[in-house]
């Protein structure tokens, strides 16, 4: 079994975090994603965890936040939020995502949260099943609309 260690994000992890993030959030172009990650890594409302193999290569990450705005179905504020979680394919089915959740949930509790939210796309069956397996329930389904004003 491959031994994995979990660490708080450090700036030296940024390039590997960006590469993994591109695999998770495929709809973002690289520059847009890079900008969002830079903002995230510089904010104290986020907790970024990095998993590394014995050689020091990043093989997964998770991003948790504390939200004080509305979170669908949440009973009170603040609410923890799983912004993203990713594990490289060859390291899946080893319990890494559950360990990310355990650490992230503890952080959210320390910040005064009693619930944690998350989201995914309606058609992302793999992500929806993952969320259910680790104890989330579906709160609601939403379709967003946009119209150009002339």
Protein backbone atom coordinates (compact mmCIF):
# COMPACT_ATOMS: atom_id res chain seq x y z
CA UNK A 1 0.00 0.00 0.00
CA UNK A 2 1.25 3.48 -0.87
CA UNK A 3 1.82 5.69 2.16
CA UNK A 4 0.27 9.10 1.79
CA UNK A 5 0.92 12.14 3.96
CA UNK A 6 -1.39 15.14 4.30
CA UNK A 7 -0.12 18.70 4.57
CA UNK A 8 -1.39 22.25 4.67
CA UNK A 9 -0.90 23.95 1.31
CA UNK A 10 2.37 25.83 0.87
CA UNK A 11 3.22 28.21 -1.97
CA UNK A 12 5.74 25.68 -3.31
CA UNK A 13 2.76 23.35 -4.02
CA UNK A 14 1.02 25.86 -6.30
CA UNK A 15 2.06 24.46 -9.69
CA UNK A 16 1.02 20.93 -8.75
CA UNK A 17 -2.23 22.24 -7.25
CA UNK A 18 -2.96 24.04 -10.53
CA UNK A 19 -2.28 20.90 -12.60
CA UNK A 20 -4.61 18.79 -10.47
CA UNK A 21 -7.24 21.54 -10.43
CA UNK A 22 -7.29 21.54 -14.22
CA UNK A 23 -8.27 17.87 -14.09
CA UNK A 24 -11.10 18.58 -11.66
CA UNK A 25 -12.45 21.84 -13.10
CA UNK A 26 -12.11 21.17 -16.83
CA UNK A 27 -14.47 23.98 -17.86
CA UNK A 28 -12.11 26.68 -16.60
CA UNK A 29 -9.33 27.94 -18.82
CA UNK A 30 -5.89 27.80 -17.23
CA UNK A 31 -5.49 31.56 -16.68
CA UNK A 32 -8.91 31.87 -15.06
CA UNK A 33 -8.29 28.88 -12.80
CA UNK A 34 -4.82 30.13 -11.89
CA UNK A 35 -6.26 33.49 -10.87
CA UNK A 36 -9.00 31.88 -8.76
CA UNK A 37 -6.51 29.59 -7.03
CA UNK A 38 -4.18 32.49 -6.26
CA UNK A 39 -7.06 34.33 -4.59
CA UNK A 40 -8.04 31.20 -2.69
CA UNK A 41 -4.53 30.44 -1.45
CA UNK A 42 -4.18 33.98 -0.11
CA UNK A 43 -7.45 34.02 1.85
CA UNK A 44 -7.81 32.87 5.44
CA UNK A 45 -11.38 31.69 4.85
CA UNK A 46 -10.04 28.69 2.90
CA UNK A 47 -8.23 25.59 4.09
CA UNK A 48 -6.28 23.79 1.37
CA UNK A 49 -4.93 20.34 2.07
CA UNK A 50 -2.38 18.57 -0.11
CA UNK A 51 -1.68 14.82 -0.18
CA UNK A 52 1.81 13.69 -1.15
CA UNK A 53 3.29 10.31 -1.94
CA UNK A 54 6.57 9.16 -0.32
CA UNK A 55 8.58 10.92 -3.05
CA UNK A 56 6.90 14.25 -2.30
CA UNK A 57 4.70 14.33 -5.40
CA UNK A 58 1.26 15.89 -4.89
CA UNK A 59 -1.39 13.24 -5.57
CA UNK A 60 -4.52 14.94 -4.28
CA UNK A 61 -6.00 18.04 -2.72
CA UNK A 62 -9.06 19.40 -1.01
CA UNK A 63 -10.32 22.93 -0.52
CA UNK A 64 -12.68 23.80 2.31
CA UNK A 65 -14.12 27.21 3.11
CA UNK A 66 -16.21 28.97 5.68
CA UNK A 67 -19.26 30.60 4.13
CA UNK A 68 -21.25 33.27 5.90
CA UNK A 69 -23.58 33.91 2.95
CA UNK A 70 -26.53 31.69 2.16
CA UNK A 71 -25.84 27.98 1.76
CA UNK A 72 -28.82 26.01 0.39
CA UNK A 73 -30.56 24.16 3.21
CA UNK A 74 -28.11 25.18 5.95
CA UNK A 75 -29.70 25.71 9.35
CA UNK A 76 -27.32 28.46 10.48
CA UNK A 77 -24.23 30.45 9.59
CA UNK A 78 -21.31 30.06 9.32
CA UNK A 79 -21.39 26.91 7.22
CA UNK A 80 -18.39 24.86 6.17
CA UNK A 81 -18.13 24.18 2.47
CA UNK A 82 -16.31 21.56 0.46
CA UNK A 83 -15.21 23.63 -2.53
CA UNK A 84 -13.32 20.82 -4.23
CA UNK A 85 -11.67 17.48 -3.70
CA UNK A 86 -9.45 15.58 -6.11
CA UNK A 87 -7.36 12.41 -5.99
CA UNK A 88 -5.17 11.26 -8.89
CA UNK A 89 -6.65 8.16 -10.56
CA UNK A 90 -3.94 5.72 -9.45
CA UNK A 91 -4.46 6.73 -5.80
CA UNK A 92 -8.23 6.39 -5.67
CA UNK A 93 -10.01 3.76 -3.59
CA UNK A 94 -7.40 4.14 -0.83
CA UNK A 95 -9.51 6.26 1.54
CA UNK A 96 -7.79 9.54 0.67
CA UNK A 97 -11.00 11.46 0.01
CA UNK A 98 -12.44 10.28 3.33
CA UNK A 99 -9.27 11.43 5.09
CA UNK A 100 -9.48 14.82 3.37
CA UNK A 101 -13.08 15.06 4.60
CA UNK A 102 -12.19 14.04 8.14
CA UNK A 103 -9.49 16.74 8.36
CA UNK A 104 -11.63 19.36 6.61
CA UNK A 105 -14.67 18.69 8.75
CA UNK A 106 -12.57 19.05 11.90
CA UNK A 107 -11.33 22.44 10.63
CA UNK A 108 -14.92 23.54 9.92
CA UNK A 109 -16.01 22.54 13.43
CA UNK A 110 -13.10 24.54 14.88
CA UNK A 111 -14.43 27.57 12.97
CA UNK A 112 -17.87 27.22 14.58
CA UNK A 113 -19.69 25.32 11.84
CA UNK A 114 -22.29 22.66 12.57
CA UNK A 115 -22.91 21.71 8.93
CA UNK A 116 -20.94 21.42 5.73
CA UNK A 117 -22.25 21.97 2.22
CA UNK A 118 -20.96 21.17 -1.23
CA UNK A 119 -22.13 21.21 -4.82
CA UNK A 120 -21.59 19.61 -8.18
CA UNK A 121 -23.14 19.61 -11.63
CA UNK A 122 -26.45 17.82 -12.18
CA UNK A 123 -24.91 15.49 -14.78
CA UNK A 124 -21.80 14.61 -12.71
CA UNK A 125 -22.99 11.19 -11.54
CA UNK A 126 -19.59 10.19 -10.12
CA UNK A 127 -19.41 13.26 -7.89
CA UNK A 128 -23.03 12.93 -6.80
CA UNK A 129 -22.50 9.30 -5.80
CA UNK A 130 -19.28 10.19 -3.95
CA UNK A 131 -21.08 12.87 -1.94
CA UNK A 132 -23.82 10.42 -0.96
CA UNK A 133 -21.29 7.74 0.02
CA UNK A 134 -19.57 10.11 2.45
CA UNK A 135 -22.77 11.29 4.14
CA UNK A 136 -24.05 14.28 2.15
CA UNK A 137 -27.66 14.42 1.00
CA UNK A 138 -29.02 16.26 -2.00
CA UNK A 139 -30.71 19.43 -0.84
CA UNK A 140 -32.12 20.66 -4.15
CA UNK A 141 -31.51 20.72 -7.88
CA UNK A 142 -31.07 24.08 -9.58
CA UNK A 143 -30.81 25.18 -13.18
CA UNK A 144 -29.32 28.64 -13.71
CA UNK A 145 -30.48 30.92 -16.52
CA UNK A 146 -28.94 33.97 -18.15
CA UNK A 147 -30.22 36.49 -20.67
CA UNK A 148 -28.35 39.23 -22.48
CA UNK A 149 -29.81 42.70 -22.10
CA UNK A 150 -30.03 44.81 -25.23
